[in-house]
């Protein structure tokens, strides 16, 4: 796995505004969390994963985290709508990895064709300092334990 955030242009959704940026430029000089989900609006992602990071947002910031990002292999419109579907969704910044380029670069792209989802990212959570991946946790397909906000908070 690549231990450095790639210089790939992607749509970023922050407070409902979409901008296309080079991901490594966006994350430069920051301590951030990125969690990745197989798909916006999917059950575990929507009912557990995203809500856990919204709920513990302030605890991450108290530990020195600058921002929390959610990456999904979805287009910018789906990511924007998903974030807007949460009352406090603006606490999370979306990364719309629609082509799966970031996921592929980080060796996190998986084939979910058996579930009619195509290529997606595996469920993950990482701690990144100035574009260097310091900690990466991935889940076994169908599980949600290691990548929860509750667990990742213990790693900071």
C-alpha atoms as a PDB file:
ATOM      1  CA  UNK A   1       0.000   0.000   0.000  1.00  0.00           C
ATOM      2  CA  UNK A   2       1.097   3.526  -0.768  1.00  0.00           C
ATOM      3  CA  UNK A   3       1.749   5.377   2.521  1.00  0.00           C
ATOM      4  CA  UNK A   4       1.423   8.842   0.940  1.00  0.00           C
ATOM      5  CA  UNK A   5      -1.813  10.559  -0.108  1.00  0.00           C
ATOM      6  CA  UNK A   6      -1.737  10.785  -3.928  1.00  0.00           C
ATOM      7  CA  UNK A   7      -1.745  13.938  -6.041  1.00  0.00           C
ATOM      8  CA  UNK A   8      -5.025  13.115  -7.783  1.00  0.00           C
ATOM      9  CA  UNK A   9      -7.721  15.665  -8.662  1.00  0.00           C
ATOM     10  CA  UNK A  10     -11.073  14.858  -7.040  1.00  0.00           C
ATOM     11  CA  UNK A  11     -14.277  16.650  -6.123  1.00  0.00           C
ATOM     12  CA  UNK A  12     -14.318  17.732  -2.467  1.00  0.00           C
ATOM     13  CA  UNK A  13     -17.641  18.593  -0.849  1.00  0.00           C
ATOM     14  CA  UNK A  14     -17.428  21.005   2.075  1.00  0.00           C
ATOM     15  CA  UNK A  15     -20.544  22.606   3.554  1.00  0.00           C
ATOM     16  CA  UNK A  16     -22.481  21.695   0.357  1.00  0.00           C
ATOM     17  CA  UNK A  17     -19.932  23.391  -1.932  1.00  0.00           C
ATOM     18  CA  UNK A  18     -18.107  21.250  -4.471  1.00  0.00           C
ATOM     19  CA  UNK A  19     -14.586  22.110  -5.594  1.00  0.00           C
ATOM     20  CA  UNK A  20     -12.193  20.072  -7.657  1.00  0.00           C
ATOM     21  CA  UNK A  21      -8.801  19.921  -5.968  1.00  0.00           C
ATOM     22  CA  UNK A  22      -5.584  17.944  -5.927  1.00  0.00           C
ATOM     23  CA  UNK A  23      -6.085  15.783  -2.836  1.00  0.00           C
ATOM     24  CA  UNK A  24      -2.487  16.086  -1.611  1.00  0.00           C
ATOM     25  CA  UNK A  25      -2.758  19.901  -1.837  1.00  0.00           C
ATOM     26  CA  UNK A  26      -6.005  19.835   0.164  1.00  0.00           C
ATOM     27  CA  UNK A  27      -4.421  17.802   2.969  1.00  0.00           C
ATOM     28  CA  UNK A  28      -1.010  19.490   3.107  1.00  0.00           C
ATOM     29  CA  UNK A  29       0.040  20.686   6.590  1.00  0.00           C
ATOM     30  CA  UNK A  30      -3.027  19.132   8.247  1.00  0.00           C
ATOM     31  CA  UNK A  31      -3.704  16.305  10.676  1.00  0.00           C
ATOM     32  CA  UNK A  32      -6.830  14.661   9.358  1.00  0.00           C
ATOM     33  CA  UNK A  33      -8.998  11.583   9.497  1.00  0.00           C
ATOM     34  CA  UNK A  34     -10.238   9.907   6.329  1.00  0.00           C
ATOM     35  CA  UNK A  35     -12.796   7.148   6.585  1.00  0.00           C
ATOM     36  CA  UNK A  36     -13.893   5.273   3.509  1.00  0.00           C
ATOM     37  CA  UNK A  37     -17.215   3.621   2.830  1.00  0.00           C
ATOM     38  CA  UNK A  38     -18.316   1.212   0.096  1.00  0.00           C
ATOM     39  CA  UNK A  39     -21.215   3.477  -0.821  1.00  0.00           C
ATOM     40  CA  UNK A  40     -23.206   6.531   0.165  1.00  0.00           C
ATOM     41  CA  UNK A  41     -26.754   5.711   1.267  1.00  0.00           C
ATOM     42  CA  UNK A  42     -25.882   2.049   1.925  1.00  0.00           C
ATOM     43  CA  UNK A  43     -27.130   0.645   5.269  1.00  0.00           C
ATOM     44  CA  UNK A  44     -23.989   0.274   7.433  1.00  0.00           C
ATOM     45  CA  UNK A  45     -22.398   3.390   5.943  1.00  0.00           C
ATOM     46  CA  UNK A  46     -25.498   5.522   6.545  1.00  0.00           C
ATOM     47  CA  UNK A  47     -26.707   4.091   9.844  1.00  0.00           C
ATOM     48  CA  UNK A  48     -23.382   3.516  11.646  1.00  0.00           C
ATOM     49  CA  UNK A  49     -20.203   4.706   9.945  1.00  0.00           C
ATOM     50  CA  UNK A  50     -21.061   8.300   9.006  1.00  0.00           C
ATOM     51  CA  UNK A  51     -23.071   8.959  12.199  1.00  0.00           C
ATOM     52  CA  UNK A  52     -20.175   7.781  14.384  1.00  0.00           C
ATOM     53  CA  UNK A  53     -17.833  10.412  12.907  1.00  0.00           C
ATOM     54  CA  UNK A  54     -20.448  13.163  13.103  1.00  0.00           C
ATOM     55  CA  UNK A  55     -21.155  12.290  16.742  1.00  0.00           C
ATOM     56  CA  UNK A  56     -17.473  12.235  17.798  1.00  0.00           C
ATOM     57  CA  UNK A  57     -16.397  15.178  15.632  1.00  0.00           C
ATOM     58  CA  UNK A  58     -15.604  17.415  18.621  1.00  0.00           C
ATOM     59  CA  UNK A  59     -13.607  14.677  20.379  1.00  0.00           C
ATOM     60  CA  UNK A  60     -11.365  14.308  17.307  1.00  0.00           C
ATOM     61  CA  UNK A  61     -10.844  18.067  17.145  1.00  0.00           C
ATOM     62  CA  UNK A  62      -9.979  18.121  20.867  1.00  0.00           C
ATOM     63  CA  UNK A  63      -7.183  15.632  20.064  1.00  0.00           C
ATOM     64  CA  UNK A  64      -5.695  17.927  17.414  1.00  0.00           C
ATOM     65  CA  UNK A  65      -7.446  16.703  14.258  1.00  0.00           C
ATOM     66  CA  UNK A  66      -7.984  19.542  11.753  1.00  0.00           C
ATOM     67  CA  UNK A  67     -10.682  17.940   9.575  1.00  0.00           C
ATOM     68  CA  UNK A  68     -12.586  14.695   9.015  1.00  0.00           C
ATOM     69  CA  UNK A  69     -13.109  13.444   5.454  1.00  0.00           C
ATOM     70  CA  UNK A  70     -15.309  10.668   4.110  1.00  0.00           C
ATOM     71  CA  UNK A  71     -14.245   9.007   0.860  1.00  0.00           C
ATOM     72  CA  UNK A  72     -16.569   6.970  -1.304  1.00  0.00           C
ATOM     73  CA  UNK A  73     -16.436   5.742  -4.880  1.00  0.00           C
ATOM     74  CA  UNK A  74     -19.493   7.794  -5.730  1.00  0.00           C
ATOM     75  CA  UNK A  75     -19.918  10.897  -7.874  1.00  0.00           C
ATOM     76  CA  UNK A  76     -19.971  14.384  -6.370  1.00  0.00           C
ATOM     77  CA  UNK A  77     -23.758  14.686  -6.646  1.00  0.00           C
ATOM     78  CA  UNK A  78     -24.394  11.530  -4.625  1.00  0.00           C
ATOM     79  CA  UNK A  79     -21.807  12.527  -2.002  1.00  0.00           C
ATOM     80  CA  UNK A  80     -23.262  16.025  -1.740  1.00  0.00           C
ATOM     81  CA  UNK A  81     -26.812  14.680  -1.324  1.00  0.00           C
ATOM     82  CA  UNK A  82     -25.647  12.112   1.231  1.00  0.00           C
ATOM     83  CA  UNK A  83     -23.896  14.724   3.386  1.00  0.00           C
ATOM     84  CA  UNK A  84     -26.958  16.998   3.118  1.00  0.00           C
ATOM     85  CA  UNK A  85     -29.161  14.146   4.360  1.00  0.00           C
ATOM     86  CA  UNK A  86     -27.604  14.496   7.839  1.00  0.00           C
ATOM     87  CA  UNK A  87     -28.553  17.381  10.137  1.00  0.00           C
ATOM     88  CA  UNK A  88     -24.872  17.865  11.000  1.00  0.00           C
ATOM     89  CA  UNK A  89     -23.417  16.489   7.773  1.00  0.00           C
ATOM     90  CA  UNK A  90     -21.418  19.669   7.274  1.00  0.00           C
ATOM     91  CA  UNK A  91     -19.034  18.461  10.010  1.00  0.00           C
ATOM     92  CA  UNK A  92     -17.673  15.949   7.484  1.00  0.00           C
ATOM     93  CA  UNK A  93     -15.900  16.831   4.221  1.00  0.00           C
ATOM     94  CA  UNK A  94     -16.714  14.520   1.323  1.00  0.00           C
ATOM     95  CA  UNK A  95     -14.210  13.101  -1.148  1.00  0.00           C
ATOM     96  CA  UNK A  96     -16.045  11.922  -4.278  1.00  0.00           C
ATOM     97  CA  UNK A  97     -13.637   9.318  -5.643  1.00  0.00           C
ATOM     98  CA  UNK A  98     -16.017   8.635  -8.535  1.00  0.00           C
ATOM     99  CA  UNK A  99     -13.417   6.953 -10.750  1.00  0.00           C
ATOM    100  CA  UNK A 100     -11.859   5.049  -7.861  1.00  0.00           C
ATOM    101  CA  UNK A 101      -8.443   6.559  -8.603  1.00  0.00           C
ATOM    102  CA  UNK A 102      -7.584   7.442  -5.004  1.00  0.00           C
ATOM    103  CA  UNK A 103      -8.854   4.086  -3.756  1.00  0.00           C
ATOM    104  CA  UNK A 104      -6.853   2.256  -6.420  1.00  0.00           C
ATOM    105  CA  UNK A 105      -3.687   4.234  -5.657  1.00  0.00           C
ATOM    106  CA  UNK A 106      -3.991   3.326  -1.957  1.00  0.00           C
ATOM    107  CA  UNK A 107      -4.791  -0.325  -2.783  1.00  0.00           C
ATOM    108  CA  UNK A 108      -8.243   0.025  -1.219  1.00  0.00           C
ATOM    109  CA  UNK A 109     -10.330  -0.620  -4.360  1.00  0.00           C
ATOM    110  CA  UNK A 110     -12.415  -3.804  -4.232  1.00  0.00           C
ATOM    111  CA  UNK A 111     -14.762  -5.508  -6.658  1.00  0.00           C
ATOM    112  CA  UNK A 112     -18.303  -5.567  -5.293  1.00  0.00           C
ATOM    113  CA  UNK A 113     -19.877  -6.705  -8.575  1.00  0.00           C
ATOM    114  CA  UNK A 114     -21.406  -9.721  -6.835  1.00  0.00           C
ATOM    115  CA  UNK A 115     -23.551  -7.189  -4.921  1.00  0.00           C
ATOM    116  CA  UNK A 116     -24.260  -5.146  -8.097  1.00  0.00           C
ATOM    117  CA  UNK A 117     -22.087  -2.276  -6.868  1.00  0.00           C
ATOM    118  CA  UNK A 118     -19.119  -2.495  -9.243  1.00  0.00           C
ATOM    119  CA  UNK A 119     -15.725  -1.294  -8.032  1.00  0.00           C
ATOM    120  CA  UNK A 120     -15.803   0.414  -4.624  1.00  0.00           C
ATOM    121  CA  UNK A 121     -13.414   1.174  -1.803  1.00  0.00           C
ATOM    122  CA  UNK A 122     -13.168  -1.199   1.083  1.00  0.00           C
ATOM    123  CA  UNK A 123     -14.376   0.102   4.448  1.00  0.00           C
ATOM    124  CA  UNK A 124     -11.393   1.858   6.051  1.00  0.00           C
ATOM    125  CA  UNK A 125     -10.289   4.576   8.436  1.00  0.00           C
ATOM    126  CA  UNK A 126      -6.937   6.347   8.509  1.00  0.00           C
ATOM    127  CA  UNK A 127      -5.027   8.990  10.385  1.00  0.00           C
ATOM    128  CA  UNK A 128      -3.043  11.263   8.058  1.00  0.00           C
ATOM    129  CA  UNK A 129      -0.458  13.862   9.038  1.00  0.00           C
ATOM    130  CA  UNK A 130       0.767  16.182   6.247  1.00  0.00           C
ATOM    131  CA  UNK A 131      -0.123  13.600   3.547  1.00  0.00           C
ATOM    132  CA  UNK A 132       1.597  10.714   5.360  1.00  0.00           C
ATOM    133  CA  UNK A 133      -0.667   7.839   6.364  1.00  0.00           C
ATOM    134  CA  UNK A 134       0.219   7.145   9.994  1.00  0.00           C
ATOM    135  CA  UNK A 135      -2.459   4.561  10.731  1.00  0.00           C
ATOM    136  CA  UNK A 136      -4.707   2.568   8.392  1.00  0.00           C
ATOM    137  CA  UNK A 137      -7.455   0.237   9.524  1.00  0.00           C
ATOM    138  CA  UNK A 138      -9.502  -1.870   7.103  1.00  0.00           C
ATOM    139  CA  UNK A 139     -12.461  -4.143   7.663  1.00  0.00           C
ATOM    140  CA  UNK A 140     -13.144  -7.672   6.574  1.00  0.00           C
ATOM    141  CA  UNK A 141     -16.073  -7.514   4.105  1.00  0.00           C
ATOM    142  CA  UNK A 142     -19.383  -7.299   5.949  1.00  0.00           C
ATOM    143  CA  UNK A 143     -17.834  -6.137   9.229  1.00  0.00           C
ATOM    144  CA  UNK A 144     -17.824  -2.803  11.016  1.00  0.00           C
ATOM    145  CA  UNK A 145     -15.557  -2.750  14.067  1.00  0.00           C
ATOM    146  CA  UNK A 146     -12.039  -1.443  13.494  1.00  0.00           C
ATOM    147  CA  UNK A 147     -13.008   1.583  11.367  1.00  0.00           C
ATOM    148  CA  UNK A 148     -15.622   3.096  13.681  1.00  0.00           C
ATOM    149  CA  UNK A 149     -14.994   6.573  15.040  1.00  0.00           C
ATOM    150  CA  UNK A 150     -15.051   5.113  18.541  1.00  0.00           C
ATOM    151  CA  UNK A 151     -12.164   2.766  17.731  1.00  0.00           C
ATOM    152  CA  UNK A 152     -10.146   5.258  15.677  1.00  0.00           C
ATOM    153  CA  UNK A 153     -10.360   7.817  18.486  1.00  0.00           C
ATOM    154  CA  UNK A 154      -8.373   5.394  20.682  1.00  0.00           C
ATOM    155  CA  UNK A 155      -5.537   5.409  18.105  1.00  0.00           C
ATOM    156  CA  UNK A 156      -4.870   9.165  18.248  1.00  0.00           C
END
